[in-house]
Protein backbone atom coordinates (compact mmCIF):
# COMPACT_ATOMS: atom_id res chain seq x y z
CA MET A 1 -32.02 30.55 -227.14
CA LYS A 2 -35.44 30.22 -225.90
CA TYR A 3 -37.28 26.87 -226.22
CA GLU A 4 -40.93 27.63 -226.47
CA GLY A 5 -43.42 24.94 -225.44
CA GLN A 6 -40.82 22.85 -223.59
CA SER A 7 -41.99 21.37 -220.33
CA PRO A 8 -40.01 22.62 -217.33
CA PHE A 9 -39.51 18.93 -216.25
CA SER A 10 -38.10 17.83 -219.56
CA GLY A 11 -34.63 18.21 -221.06
CA GLY A 12 -31.18 16.88 -220.21
CA GLY A 13 -30.29 19.23 -217.33
CA LYS A 14 -31.92 19.91 -213.88
CA SER A 15 -33.81 23.12 -213.66
CA PRO A 16 -34.28 24.99 -210.23
CA ALA A 17 -37.85 23.66 -210.05
CA THR A 18 -36.60 20.14 -210.48
CA THR A 19 -34.08 20.60 -207.64
CA ILE A 20 -36.76 21.89 -205.20
CA THR A 21 -39.11 18.99 -206.00
CA THR A 22 -36.37 16.42 -205.42
CA TYR A 23 -35.46 18.01 -202.07
CA SER A 24 -39.14 17.86 -200.94
CA LEU A 25 -39.38 14.19 -201.80
CA VAL A 26 -36.24 13.40 -199.81
CA ASN A 27 -37.64 15.24 -196.78
CA LEU A 28 -40.98 13.41 -197.12
CA PHE A 29 -39.28 10.00 -197.16
CA SER A 30 -37.20 11.08 -194.16
CA TYR A 31 -40.29 12.04 -192.21
CA LEU A 32 -41.99 8.76 -193.16
CA PHE A 33 -38.92 6.85 -191.99
CA LEU A 34 -39.01 8.67 -188.64
CA ILE A 35 -42.73 8.00 -188.24
CA VAL A 36 -42.32 4.28 -188.93
CA THR A 37 -39.33 4.09 -186.60
CA GLY A 38 -41.15 5.98 -183.90
CA PHE A 39 -44.23 3.78 -184.19
CA THR A 40 -42.06 0.65 -183.91
CA LEU A 41 -40.26 1.96 -180.83
CA GLY A 42 -43.59 2.98 -179.33
CA VAL A 43 -44.93 -0.56 -179.68
CA VAL A 44 -41.77 -1.98 -178.10
CA PHE A 45 -41.90 0.44 -175.18
CA SER A 46 -45.62 -0.09 -174.62
CA TYR A 47 -45.02 -3.78 -174.03
CA SER A 48 -42.20 -3.12 -171.61
CA LYS A 49 -44.64 -1.37 -169.14
CA THR A 50 -41.66 0.58 -167.88
CA PHE A 51 -41.45 3.55 -170.21
CA SER A 52 -43.91 5.71 -172.09
CA PHE A 53 -43.03 6.79 -175.63
CA ASN A 54 -44.16 10.04 -177.22
CA LEU A 55 -43.65 11.60 -180.66
CA GLN A 56 -44.14 15.33 -180.89
CA LEU A 57 -44.11 17.47 -184.01
CA THR A 58 -42.53 20.86 -183.32
CA ASN A 59 -41.44 23.46 -185.87
CA GLY A 60 -41.46 21.01 -188.76
CA GLY A 61 -39.47 18.34 -186.86
CA PHE A 62 -40.02 15.38 -184.56
CA SER A 63 -38.99 15.12 -180.93
CA ILE A 64 -38.81 11.79 -179.06
CA PHE A 65 -39.47 11.68 -175.31
CA THR A 66 -39.11 8.68 -173.03
CA SER A 67 -40.06 8.73 -169.38
CA GLN A 68 -40.69 6.15 -166.67
CA SER A 69 -44.37 5.26 -166.45
CA PRO A 70 -46.14 5.76 -163.11
CA PRO A 71 -47.59 2.62 -161.48
CA PRO A 72 -51.21 1.88 -162.38
CA PRO A 73 -53.72 3.36 -159.94
CA ALA A 74 -54.70 0.97 -157.17
CA LYS A 75 -58.29 -0.14 -157.38
CA THR A 76 -60.33 0.04 -154.23
CA ALA A 77 -62.13 -3.00 -152.87
CA ALA A 78 -65.39 -1.29 -153.74
CA ALA A 79 -64.35 -0.80 -157.37
CA LEU A 80 -63.34 -4.44 -157.71
CA ASP A 81 -66.49 -5.61 -156.03
CA SER A 82 -68.62 -3.39 -158.24
CA LYS A 83 -66.91 -4.66 -161.39
CA SER A 84 -67.28 -8.23 -160.28
CA ASN A 85 -70.98 -7.76 -159.69
CA SER A 86 -71.60 -5.86 -162.91
CA SER A 87 -69.72 -8.35 -165.09
CA GLY A 88 -71.59 -11.31 -163.64
CA GLY A 89 -68.71 -13.52 -164.72
CA GLY A 90 -69.61 -12.87 -168.38
CA GLY A 91 -66.56 -10.94 -169.56
CA ALA A 92 -64.05 -8.28 -168.77
CA VAL A 93 -65.11 -4.87 -167.54
CA THR A 94 -62.96 -2.01 -168.78
CA ASP A 95 -64.40 0.90 -166.77
CA ASP A 96 -61.50 2.18 -164.69
CA SER A 97 -63.31 5.22 -163.30
CA PRO A 98 -62.77 5.62 -159.55
CA PRO A 99 -65.68 4.51 -157.35
CA SER A 100 -67.73 7.14 -155.63
CA SER A 101 -67.28 7.74 -151.90
CA HIS A 102 -70.81 6.38 -151.43
CA ALA A 103 -69.89 3.13 -153.18
CA VAL A 104 -66.76 2.72 -151.07
CA GLU A 105 -68.75 3.36 -147.89
CA GLU A 106 -71.47 0.92 -148.87
CA TYR A 107 -68.89 -1.79 -149.56
CA PHE A 108 -67.23 -1.46 -146.16
CA LEU A 109 -70.43 -1.05 -144.17
CA LYS A 110 -72.39 -3.90 -145.70
CA SER A 111 -72.95 -6.88 -143.40
CA PRO A 112 -70.61 -9.78 -144.16
CA PRO A 113 -72.04 -13.31 -144.33
CA VAL A 114 -71.99 -15.30 -141.08
CA THR A 115 -71.06 -18.49 -142.93
CA HIS A 116 -67.40 -18.83 -143.83
CA SER A 117 -64.51 -21.31 -143.75
CA MET A 118 -62.04 -19.30 -141.67
CA ALA A 119 -60.18 -21.02 -138.86
CA ASP A 120 -60.20 -19.27 -135.49
CA GLU A 121 -56.67 -17.93 -136.02
CA GLU A 122 -57.60 -16.22 -139.29
CA LEU A 123 -60.93 -15.01 -137.86
CA MET A 124 -59.26 -13.33 -134.88
CA TRP A 125 -56.57 -11.88 -137.14
CA ARG A 126 -59.12 -10.31 -139.46
CA ALA A 127 -61.27 -9.01 -136.64
CA SER A 128 -58.25 -7.40 -134.98
CA MET A 129 -57.57 -5.26 -138.06
CA VAL A 130 -60.95 -3.59 -138.39
CA PRO A 131 -61.35 0.12 -137.45
CA LYS A 132 -61.05 0.77 -133.73
CA ILE A 133 -62.63 4.23 -133.92
CA ARG A 134 -66.11 4.17 -132.40
CA GLY A 135 -68.71 5.22 -134.90
CA PHE A 136 -68.33 5.57 -138.66
CA PRO A 137 -68.76 8.29 -141.32
CA SER A 138 -71.85 9.57 -143.16
CA ASN A 139 -75.38 8.40 -142.40
CA GLY A 140 -74.79 4.81 -141.37
CA VAL A 141 -76.91 3.50 -138.52
CA PRO A 142 -74.94 1.99 -135.58
CA LYS A 143 -76.13 -1.48 -134.61
CA VAL A 144 -76.06 -3.61 -131.48
CA ALA A 145 -74.82 -7.17 -131.93
CA PHE A 146 -76.84 -9.72 -129.94
CA MET A 147 -74.71 -12.85 -129.59
CA PHE A 148 -76.36 -16.05 -128.36
CA LEU A 149 -74.21 -18.82 -126.89
CA THR A 150 -76.49 -21.85 -126.89
CA ARG A 151 -76.55 -25.64 -126.82
CA GLY A 152 -79.22 -25.87 -129.49
CA PRO A 153 -82.04 -23.49 -130.46
CA VAL A 154 -82.88 -20.20 -128.79
CA ILE A 155 -85.75 -21.62 -126.77
CA LEU A 156 -87.30 -18.21 -126.06
CA ALA A 157 -87.09 -17.09 -129.71
CA PRO A 158 -90.79 -15.99 -129.93
CA LEU A 159 -90.20 -13.41 -127.16
CA TRP A 160 -87.06 -12.12 -128.93
CA GLU A 161 -89.00 -11.92 -132.20
CA VAL A 162 -91.43 -9.50 -130.55
CA PHE A 163 -88.52 -7.59 -129.01
CA PHE A 164 -86.79 -7.05 -132.38
CA LYS A 165 -89.95 -6.37 -134.39
CA GLY A 166 -89.90 -3.03 -136.20
CA HIS A 167 -86.22 -2.32 -135.59
CA GLN A 168 -84.61 -3.83 -138.67
CA GLY A 169 -81.24 -2.30 -139.46
CA MET A 170 -80.50 -1.46 -135.84
CA TYR A 171 -79.32 -4.89 -134.69
CA SER A 172 -77.38 -7.95 -135.75
CA ILE A 173 -77.83 -11.52 -134.46
CA TYR A 174 -75.19 -14.22 -134.11
CA VAL A 175 -75.77 -17.72 -132.74
CA HIS A 176 -73.06 -20.14 -131.58
CA SER A 177 -74.63 -23.56 -130.94
CA ASP A 178 -73.23 -27.04 -130.47
CA PRO A 179 -72.03 -28.47 -133.81
CA SER A 180 -74.19 -31.55 -133.23
CA TYR A 181 -77.36 -29.42 -133.38
CA SER A 182 -78.88 -29.79 -136.84
CA GLY A 183 -82.08 -27.80 -136.42
CA SER A 184 -82.82 -24.55 -138.20
CA ASP A 185 -85.09 -21.57 -137.73
CA PRO A 186 -87.91 -21.00 -140.19
CA PRO A 187 -87.51 -18.46 -142.98
CA GLY A 188 -88.71 -15.09 -141.79
CA SER A 189 -87.35 -15.60 -138.28
CA VAL A 190 -84.75 -13.09 -137.09
CA PHE A 191 -82.61 -16.14 -136.17
CA HIS A 192 -82.81 -17.74 -139.61
CA GLY A 193 -79.34 -18.16 -141.13
CA ARG A 194 -77.58 -16.49 -138.20
CA ARG A 195 -75.55 -19.47 -136.93
CA ILE A 196 -71.80 -18.94 -137.13
CA PRO A 197 -69.26 -21.75 -137.65
CA SER A 198 -69.17 -23.28 -134.17
CA LYS A 199 -67.19 -25.75 -132.09
CA GLU A 200 -67.97 -27.91 -129.08
CA VAL A 201 -68.30 -26.10 -125.75
CA ARG A 202 -68.19 -27.77 -122.35
CA TRP A 203 -69.36 -26.13 -119.15
CA GLY A 204 -66.49 -24.70 -117.12
CA ASN A 205 -63.95 -25.34 -119.87
CA VAL A 206 -61.75 -22.68 -121.46
CA ASN A 207 -63.38 -23.50 -124.79
CA MET A 208 -66.38 -21.54 -123.54
CA VAL A 209 -64.26 -18.39 -123.68
CA GLU A 210 -63.05 -19.46 -127.12
CA ALA A 211 -66.67 -19.56 -128.23
CA GLU A 212 -67.28 -16.07 -126.80
CA ARG A 213 -64.28 -14.71 -128.70
CA ARG A 214 -65.50 -16.49 -131.83
CA LEU A 215 -68.86 -14.74 -131.54
CA LEU A 216 -67.16 -11.41 -130.95
CA ALA A 217 -64.84 -11.79 -133.93
CA ASN A 218 -67.69 -12.63 -136.29
CA ALA A 219 -69.72 -9.67 -135.07
CA ILE A 220 -66.78 -7.26 -135.26
CA LEU A 221 -66.40 -7.96 -138.97
CA ASP A 222 -69.59 -5.98 -139.49
CA PHE A 223 -68.32 -2.41 -139.13
CA SER A 224 -71.76 -1.07 -138.22
CA ASN A 225 -71.90 -3.14 -135.02
CA GLN A 226 -70.94 -0.73 -132.24
CA TYR A 227 -71.97 -2.67 -129.12
CA PHE A 228 -71.80 -6.39 -128.38
CA VAL A 229 -73.97 -8.31 -125.92
CA LEU A 230 -73.44 -11.96 -124.91
CA LEU A 231 -76.64 -13.88 -124.11
CA SER A 232 -77.73 -17.47 -123.53
CA GLU A 233 -80.79 -19.32 -124.82
CA SER A 234 -82.44 -18.73 -121.42
CA CYS A 235 -81.99 -14.94 -121.38
CA ILE A 236 -84.83 -12.45 -121.73
CA PRO A 237 -84.83 -8.70 -122.30
CA VAL A 238 -86.54 -6.79 -119.46
CA PHE A 239 -86.90 -3.55 -121.41
CA ASN A 240 -88.06 -2.89 -124.97
CA PHE A 241 -85.63 -2.59 -127.84
CA SER A 242 -85.52 1.23 -127.96
CA THR A 243 -84.61 1.43 -124.28
CA VAL A 244 -81.90 -1.24 -124.52
CA TYR A 245 -80.47 0.28 -127.69
CA SER A 246 -80.28 3.76 -126.18
CA TYR A 247 -78.86 2.48 -122.87
CA LEU A 248 -76.01 0.70 -124.62
CA LEU A 249 -75.04 3.17 -127.33
CA ASN A 250 -75.14 6.15 -124.98
CA SER A 251 -73.07 4.42 -122.30
CA THR A 252 -69.55 5.61 -121.57
CA HIS A 253 -68.51 2.20 -120.26
CA SER A 254 -68.47 -1.49 -121.05
CA TYR A 255 -70.19 -3.97 -118.72
CA ILE A 256 -67.94 -6.75 -117.45
CA GLU A 257 -68.51 -7.84 -113.89
CA SER A 258 -65.14 -7.83 -112.10
CA TYR A 259 -64.35 -8.08 -108.40
CA ASP A 260 -61.72 -9.46 -106.07
CA LEU A 261 -63.00 -12.44 -104.04
CA PRO A 262 -60.87 -14.12 -101.38
CA GLY A 263 -61.55 -17.77 -100.68
CA PRO A 264 -61.72 -21.00 -102.66
CA VAL A 265 -64.10 -19.85 -105.41
CA GLY A 266 -62.23 -16.60 -106.00
CA ARG A 267 -58.49 -16.31 -105.46
CA GLY A 268 -58.43 -20.03 -104.68
CA ARG A 269 -58.86 -20.73 -108.42
CA TYR A 270 -55.68 -18.85 -109.34
CA ASN A 271 -52.83 -20.91 -110.81
CA ARG A 272 -49.44 -19.68 -109.63
CA HIS A 273 -47.92 -20.68 -112.96
CA MET A 274 -49.58 -17.58 -114.45
CA ALA A 275 -47.08 -15.38 -112.62
CA PRO A 276 -45.44 -13.04 -113.35
CA LEU A 277 -47.78 -12.24 -116.26
CA ILE A 278 -50.82 -12.37 -113.95
CA THR A 279 -50.40 -12.26 -110.18
CA VAL A 280 -52.88 -13.38 -107.54
CA ASP A 281 -53.47 -9.72 -106.61
CA GLN A 282 -54.66 -9.08 -110.17
CA TRP A 283 -56.93 -12.14 -110.27
CA ARG A 284 -60.62 -11.22 -110.64
CA LYS A 285 -63.96 -13.02 -110.81
CA GLY A 286 -67.22 -12.10 -112.52
CA SER A 287 -70.19 -13.14 -114.62
CA GLN A 288 -69.43 -14.26 -118.17
CA TRP A 289 -72.45 -12.36 -119.55
CA PHE A 290 -70.95 -9.15 -120.82
CA ALA A 291 -71.83 -6.08 -122.90
CA LEU A 292 -68.85 -4.48 -124.67
CA SER A 293 -68.27 -1.32 -126.62
CA ARG A 294 -66.57 -1.81 -129.97
CA ASP A 295 -63.16 -0.57 -128.89
CA LEU A 296 -62.98 -3.01 -125.97
CA ALA A 297 -64.37 -5.87 -128.08
CA VAL A 298 -61.54 -5.42 -130.56
CA GLU A 299 -59.04 -5.54 -127.71
CA VAL A 300 -60.50 -8.85 -126.51
CA VAL A 301 -60.16 -10.61 -129.89
CA SER A 302 -56.68 -9.06 -130.35
CA ASP A 303 -55.36 -10.40 -127.04
CA THR A 304 -52.47 -12.72 -127.77
CA THR A 305 -50.82 -12.27 -124.37
CA TYR A 306 -53.25 -13.00 -121.53
CA PHE A 307 -55.72 -15.38 -123.14
CA PRO A 308 -53.02 -17.93 -124.08
CA ALA A 309 -52.05 -18.00 -120.38
CA PHE A 310 -55.64 -18.98 -119.53
CA GLN A 311 -55.66 -21.62 -122.26
CA LYS A 312 -52.51 -23.12 -120.81
CA HIS A 313 -53.10 -22.81 -117.06
CA CYS A 314 -56.86 -22.38 -116.38
CA HIS A 315 -58.40 -25.85 -116.36
CA GLY A 316 -60.62 -27.98 -114.15
CA SER A 317 -62.05 -25.96 -111.27
CA CYS A 318 -60.47 -22.75 -112.59
CA TYR A 319 -63.56 -21.93 -114.74
CA ALA A 320 -62.02 -19.54 -117.29
CA ASP A 321 -65.37 -18.02 -118.29
CA GLU A 322 -65.69 -16.50 -114.79
CA HIS A 323 -62.14 -15.14 -114.64
CA TYR A 324 -60.59 -14.33 -118.02
CA LEU A 325 -62.55 -11.23 -119.01
CA ALA A 326 -62.88 -10.05 -115.40
CA THR A 327 -59.09 -10.21 -114.96
CA PHE A 328 -58.22 -8.88 -118.41
CA ALA A 329 -60.51 -5.87 -118.16
CA SER A 330 -59.37 -5.04 -114.63
CA MET A 331 -55.69 -5.17 -115.58
CA LYS A 332 -55.82 -3.31 -118.91
CA PHE A 333 -59.04 -1.28 -119.16
CA GLY A 334 -60.28 -0.57 -115.67
CA SER A 335 -61.33 3.02 -116.34
CA ARG A 336 -63.42 1.91 -119.34
CA ASN A 337 -65.33 -0.81 -117.47
CA SER A 338 -68.29 -0.46 -115.10
CA ASN A 339 -67.33 -3.61 -113.16
CA ARG A 340 -70.95 -4.82 -113.30
CA THR A 341 -73.08 -6.97 -115.58
CA LEU A 342 -76.32 -6.02 -117.32
CA THR A 343 -77.72 -9.57 -116.97
CA TRP A 344 -79.46 -10.44 -113.71
CA VAL A 345 -79.28 -13.97 -112.31
CA ASP A 346 -80.45 -15.51 -109.04
CA TRP A 347 -77.60 -16.96 -106.96
CA SER A 348 -79.59 -16.97 -103.71
CA LYS A 349 -80.08 -20.74 -103.71
CA GLY A 350 -76.35 -21.45 -103.71
CA GLY A 351 -74.56 -24.10 -105.75
CA PRO A 352 -72.68 -23.91 -109.03
CA HIS A 353 -75.76 -22.92 -111.08
CA PRO A 354 -78.21 -20.01 -110.72
CA GLY A 355 -81.90 -20.53 -110.06
CA ARG A 356 -84.33 -21.35 -112.86
CA PHE A 357 -87.63 -19.62 -113.53
CA TYR A 358 -90.74 -21.47 -114.63
CA ARG A 359 -94.24 -20.39 -115.54
CA GLN A 360 -95.40 -19.74 -111.98
CA HIS A 361 -92.48 -17.43 -111.31
CA VAL A 362 -93.35 -14.99 -114.09
CA THR A 363 -95.58 -12.31 -112.58
CA PRO A 364 -95.95 -8.59 -113.30
CA GLU A 365 -94.50 -7.82 -109.85
CA PHE A 366 -91.40 -9.93 -110.46
CA LEU A 367 -90.80 -8.41 -113.90
CA GLU A 368 -91.21 -4.89 -112.49
CA TRP A 369 -88.68 -5.70 -109.79
CA LEU A 370 -86.20 -6.83 -112.43
CA ARG A 371 -86.67 -3.50 -114.20
CA SER A 372 -86.30 -1.14 -111.23
CA GLY A 373 -85.53 -3.05 -108.05
CA SER A 374 -81.79 -2.31 -107.90
CA VAL A 375 -79.53 0.74 -107.59
CA CYS A 376 -76.38 1.26 -109.62
CA GLU A 377 -74.42 3.90 -111.52
CA TYR A 378 -74.85 4.77 -115.18
CA ASN A 379 -72.59 7.39 -116.80
CA GLY A 380 -71.66 8.74 -113.37
CA LYS A 381 -75.22 9.07 -112.04
CA LYS A 382 -77.33 6.89 -109.75
CA THR A 383 -80.12 4.94 -111.43
CA ASN A 384 -82.52 2.08 -110.73
CA MET A 385 -82.25 0.83 -114.35
CA CYS A 386 -79.41 -1.61 -113.71
CA TYR A 387 -80.32 -4.72 -115.71
CA MET A 388 -81.31 -4.91 -119.34
CA PHE A 389 -81.52 -8.72 -119.38
CA ALA A 390 -82.21 -11.62 -117.01
CA ARG A 391 -81.79 -15.43 -116.91
CA LYS A 392 -82.45 -18.41 -116.46
CA PHE A 393 -85.97 -18.65 -117.86
CA THR A 394 -87.27 -22.00 -119.09
CA GLN A 395 -89.41 -22.66 -122.12
CA HIS A 396 -92.35 -23.26 -119.76
CA ALA A 397 -92.23 -19.55 -118.88
CA LEU A 398 -92.60 -18.42 -122.49
CA GLY A 399 -96.39 -18.17 -122.52
CA ARG A 400 -96.58 -15.80 -119.55
CA LEU A 401 -93.62 -13.79 -120.78
CA LEU A 402 -95.41 -13.19 -124.08
CA ARG A 403 -98.57 -12.31 -122.18
CA PHE A 404 -96.92 -9.62 -120.06
CA ALA A 405 -94.51 -8.32 -122.70
CA PRO A 406 -96.82 -5.55 -124.00
CA THR A 407 -98.10 -4.33 -120.63
CA VAL A 408 -95.06 -4.74 -118.34
CA LEU A 409 -92.03 -4.88 -120.62
CA HIS A 410 -93.60 -2.41 -123.10
CA PHE A 411 -92.86 -4.41 -126.22
CA TYR A 412 -94.79 -2.86 -129.07
């Protein structure tokens, strides 16, 4: 019997349509249960930082995948530095995009501050880890580090100001002065703010070599410094900046004076307690005023074998500043050293100190002789350009040095 007008969802029994609808509802609730369960598991796994949790709908069903999460990408120093600068301390920065190669290069090639709180041990350790490869990538300009070991101010600073003028970005300056010196250079001076953390230095003491290594280590931290020159407050340049810069950076050698000298002021200063590490046959003497390529400079600050022997055994009349580098370079890096210095001094008067030069000594003829009055070897060829610097010039000589700088020394 047919029941006209009766709703298909009414009546006491279940029709086929009713059965299909009920089955759909059961499936819907099942899917919802899986979704809620999956979401809960996903939250739990996300906090564990060990597994990743994924739900995937395939062919009307759900698949659950768990896999070990890879470690988060390491952020480069440049990225961290960039984020630190951009946040300004005002909140978190969420940009995890990798830094550009230019940003990384700029971070590592920027000049570090000369003021810091590192002890010598940490300073040498950090300097020993910098790149040893000479030169650096891209378009960076190599610099020469001019390192002044002084008692107080650089007394001939006005002459050096003229020397450096117009060559910004091609040099770095570092000054190690006695800690008791409280003076400062005026803003705008190339020496302003260039004093490194310093310690007391006494003439003839091994702490003079410690100061030299301290200067080197600070300068090495600037990756763009490729050559390193040690100078005193009484040194002058005898050529203009372009000539000195080219002479150093195109050289195939470092410049550490080193020679064997029999007698009391040579081998006579050797301490037999240095054997067998250093024998008397290996003992050398030379001027402390050096010019080093970057690779050799890194070796000097990294030396934890020979320098401690000098600290322990070279005292009194030993004069470590005249023997440490000369001996170290001869023993370990003879083929990379020229065995001569680039700084001229006058020892003709005898005694423990070289001659001094006052106003009356500074003449065009004398300056010309300093520039071309000697014969030496440069990159395997004979030359009369043997000295780039000279000492000891007093402050009284400054006026005449400035007067002849444009015409004789060709400072422009």
